[in-house]
Protein backbone atom coordinates (compact mmCIF):
# COMPACT_ATOMS: atom_id res chain seq x y z
CA UNK A 1 -0.18 -0.02 -0.02
CA UNK A 2 1.56 3.23 -1.02
CA UNK A 3 1.98 6.09 1.32
CA UNK A 4 0.03 9.06 1.20
CA UNK A 5 1.74 12.17 -0.19
CA UNK A 6 0.92 15.91 0.29
CA UNK A 7 -2.01 16.25 -2.10
CA UNK A 8 -3.97 13.20 -0.71
CA UNK A 9 -3.57 14.84 3.00
CA UNK A 10 -5.06 18.15 1.45
CA UNK A 11 -7.90 16.42 -0.23
CA UNK A 12 -8.64 14.33 3.04
CA UNK A 13 -8.65 17.72 5.17
CA UNK A 14 -11.02 19.54 2.79
CA UNK A 15 -13.42 16.43 2.91
CA UNK A 16 -13.34 16.42 6.92
CA UNK A 17 -13.79 20.12 6.57
CA UNK A 18 -16.88 19.66 4.54
CA UNK A 19 -18.27 16.84 6.39
CA UNK A 20 -17.89 18.30 9.87
CA UNK A 21 -17.39 22.13 9.64
CA UNK A 22 -14.69 24.26 11.11
CA UNK A 23 -15.99 24.66 14.48
CA UNK A 24 -16.50 20.97 14.91
CA UNK A 25 -13.04 20.23 13.65
CA UNK A 26 -11.51 22.55 16.12
CA UNK A 27 -13.26 20.87 19.09
CA UNK A 28 -12.29 17.48 17.73
CA UNK A 29 -8.55 18.66 17.67
CA UNK A 30 -8.68 20.40 21.15
CA UNK A 31 -10.19 17.11 22.73
CA UNK A 32 -7.55 14.84 20.83
CA UNK A 33 -4.84 17.13 22.20
CA UNK A 34 -6.06 16.89 25.72
CA UNK A 35 -6.36 13.21 25.67
CA UNK A 36 -2.75 12.89 24.31
CA UNK A 37 -1.61 14.99 27.11
CA UNK A 38 -3.36 13.27 29.77
CA UNK A 39 -1.95 9.92 28.37
CA UNK A 40 1.46 11.19 28.37
CA UNK A 41 1.01 12.46 32.11
CA UNK A 42 -0.38 9.23 33.17
CA UNK A 43 2.58 7.17 31.41
CA UNK A 44 5.11 9.40 32.86
CA UNK A 45 3.47 8.99 36.55
CA UNK A 46 3.37 5.31 36.21
CA UNK A 47 6.96 5.30 34.93
CA UNK A 48 8.22 7.23 37.71
CA UNK A 49 6.28 5.00 40.26
CA UNK A 50 7.77 1.91 38.71
CA UNK A 51 11.33 3.26 38.87
CA UNK A 52 10.86 4.29 42.41
CA UNK A 53 9.74 0.55 43.40
CA UNK A 54 12.29 -0.82 45.61
CA UNK A 55 11.26 -4.44 44.92
CA UNK A 56 13.88 -5.85 42.14
CA UNK A 57 12.29 -7.28 39.23
CA UNK A 58 11.73 -11.04 39.08
CA UNK A 59 14.21 -13.01 36.93
CA UNK A 60 13.81 -16.55 35.37
CA UNK A 61 15.74 -19.37 36.88
CA UNK A 62 16.75 -22.37 34.88
CA UNK A 63 15.53 -24.98 37.70
CA UNK A 64 11.91 -23.21 37.33
CA UNK A 65 11.84 -22.79 41.10
CA UNK A 66 11.62 -19.35 42.94
CA UNK A 67 14.73 -18.44 45.04
CA UNK A 68 12.62 -16.87 47.65
CA UNK A 69 10.90 -19.77 49.60
CA UNK A 70 7.70 -18.83 51.48
CA UNK A 71 7.67 -18.76 55.28
CA UNK A 72 4.96 -19.39 57.63
CA UNK A 73 4.99 -17.14 60.71
CA UNK A 74 4.72 -19.48 63.87
CA UNK A 75 2.21 -18.10 66.24
CA UNK A 76 1.15 -19.64 69.55
CA UNK A 77 -2.33 -20.66 69.78
CA UNK A 78 -4.80 -18.36 71.17
CA UNK A 79 -6.73 -19.62 74.16
CA UNK A 80 -10.34 -18.34 74.54
CA UNK A 81 -11.04 -16.14 77.39
CA UNK A 82 -13.10 -17.85 80.26
CA UNK A 83 -16.89 -16.63 79.95
CA UNK A 84 -17.82 -14.38 83.06
CA UNK A 85 -21.26 -14.58 84.52
CA UNK A 86 -22.96 -11.24 83.81
CA UNK A 87 -25.97 -11.77 86.11
CA UNK A 88 -25.55 -10.04 89.45
CA UNK A 89 -26.13 -12.62 92.48
CA UNK A 90 -28.62 -11.30 95.02
């Protein structure tokens, strides 16, 4: 498929101008610019948060097992408190 040259872009712009009108094309351009700007800001924020992340990236190992083994915290069993009699004795 051949690339579009200068005249093709001019014809395409004229067709768009006839279909949508000048004021509507200006609004479309404004909204597209705002969307692109917001996308760039969000990707920059995401990149900075990823670069600030202290967790090192996970690397694949030849054995297929993780070098970090899960640990289970040893907790002593919790004994229930003895029930107290809430009724007052007369």
